[in-house]
């Protein structure tokens, strides 16, 4: 993770924001009163969604099971009876 002090972050804020968005790499900002992390909004939303999904009991196991299930073993959409129109 890239690290920058708060003085440099302040003077290069727009550039650091652009770099963080482009790279999806968090930036640690070090200050005398504490540290902070700069993330892109997309990465923040992704983290929040992951935390939300993992808050449901059994969701992690269900996701892993789905990942490990071969496509051939899955139901086709027509057999589910879902109206997708």
Protein backbone atom coordinates (compact mmCIF):
# COMPACT_ATOMS: atom_id res chain seq x y z
CA UNK A 1 0.00 0.00 0.00
CA UNK A 2 1.32 3.40 -0.94
CA UNK A 3 1.90 5.76 1.99
CA UNK A 4 1.99 9.57 1.95
CA UNK A 5 2.13 12.12 4.74
CA UNK A 6 -0.78 14.48 5.24
CA UNK A 7 1.15 17.55 3.99
CA UNK A 8 1.93 15.88 0.66
CA UNK A 9 -1.59 14.48 0.46
CA UNK A 10 -3.04 17.96 0.93
CA UNK A 11 -0.90 19.48 -1.81
CA UNK A 12 -1.49 16.59 -4.27
CA UNK A 13 -5.05 15.65 -3.36
CA UNK A 14 -6.60 15.74 -6.84
CA UNK A 15 -3.75 13.71 -8.33
CA UNK A 16 -3.88 11.18 -5.47
CA UNK A 17 -7.64 10.78 -5.93
CA UNK A 18 -7.18 10.16 -9.66
CA UNK A 19 -4.41 7.62 -9.00
CA UNK A 20 -6.48 5.82 -6.37
CA UNK A 21 -9.47 5.56 -8.69
CA UNK A 22 -7.35 4.36 -11.62
CA UNK A 23 -5.34 1.77 -9.67
CA UNK A 24 -7.95 0.60 -7.12
CA UNK A 25 -5.06 0.61 -4.66
CA UNK A 26 -5.78 2.17 -1.26
CA UNK A 27 -3.56 5.02 -0.13
CA UNK A 28 -2.53 5.39 3.51
CA UNK A 29 -2.28 9.00 4.69
CA UNK A 30 -0.07 9.45 7.77
CA UNK A 31 -0.72 12.39 10.09
CA UNK A 32 0.30 13.57 13.54
CA UNK A 33 -3.24 13.07 14.90
CA UNK A 34 -3.80 9.70 13.25
CA UNK A 35 -3.83 7.91 9.95
CA UNK A 36 -6.47 7.50 7.26
CA UNK A 37 -7.04 5.41 4.15
CA UNK A 38 -8.10 6.86 0.80
CA UNK A 39 -10.22 4.46 -1.31
CA UNK A 40 -12.12 4.88 -4.54
CA UNK A 41 -15.89 5.04 -4.14
CA UNK A 42 -16.22 1.86 -6.23
CA UNK A 43 -13.86 -0.03 -3.91
CA UNK A 44 -15.66 1.29 -0.83
CA UNK A 45 -19.03 0.15 -2.18
CA UNK A 46 -17.56 -3.26 -3.01
CA UNK A 47 -16.26 -3.66 0.54
CA UNK A 48 -19.61 -2.60 2.00
CA UNK A 49 -21.47 -5.08 -0.22
CA UNK A 50 -19.11 -7.90 0.77
CA UNK A 51 -19.57 -7.13 4.46
CA UNK A 52 -23.35 -7.00 4.02
CA UNK A 53 -23.51 -10.34 2.20
CA UNK A 54 -21.20 -12.02 4.68
CA UNK A 55 -23.38 -10.82 7.57
CA UNK A 56 -25.99 -13.46 6.63
CA UNK A 57 -25.40 -16.81 8.35
CA UNK A 58 -24.33 -19.44 5.81
CA UNK A 59 -23.83 -16.95 2.97
CA UNK A 60 -20.07 -17.53 2.75
CA UNK A 61 -20.56 -21.28 2.51
CA UNK A 62 -23.31 -20.81 -0.09
CA UNK A 63 -21.06 -18.62 -2.22
CA UNK A 64 -18.21 -21.14 -2.00
CA UNK A 65 -20.61 -23.96 -2.92
CA UNK A 66 -21.81 -21.97 -5.92
CA UNK A 67 -18.27 -21.28 -7.07
CA UNK A 68 -17.42 -24.98 -6.83
CA UNK A 69 -20.56 -26.14 -8.68
CA UNK A 70 -19.90 -26.93 -12.35
CA UNK A 71 -22.13 -25.04 -14.78
CA UNK A 72 -23.44 -28.35 -16.11
CA UNK A 73 -24.83 -29.16 -12.65
CA UNK A 74 -26.82 -25.91 -12.46
CA UNK A 75 -30.50 -25.56 -13.30
CA UNK A 76 -31.33 -23.84 -16.57
CA UNK A 77 -33.44 -20.70 -16.36
CA UNK A 78 -36.43 -22.26 -18.14
CA UNK A 79 -36.75 -25.05 -15.55
CA UNK A 80 -36.92 -22.51 -12.72
CA UNK A 81 -40.09 -20.94 -14.09
CA UNK A 82 -38.84 -17.39 -13.63
CA UNK A 83 -40.40 -14.69 -15.77
CA UNK A 84 -37.39 -12.70 -16.98
CA UNK A 85 -39.37 -10.37 -19.28
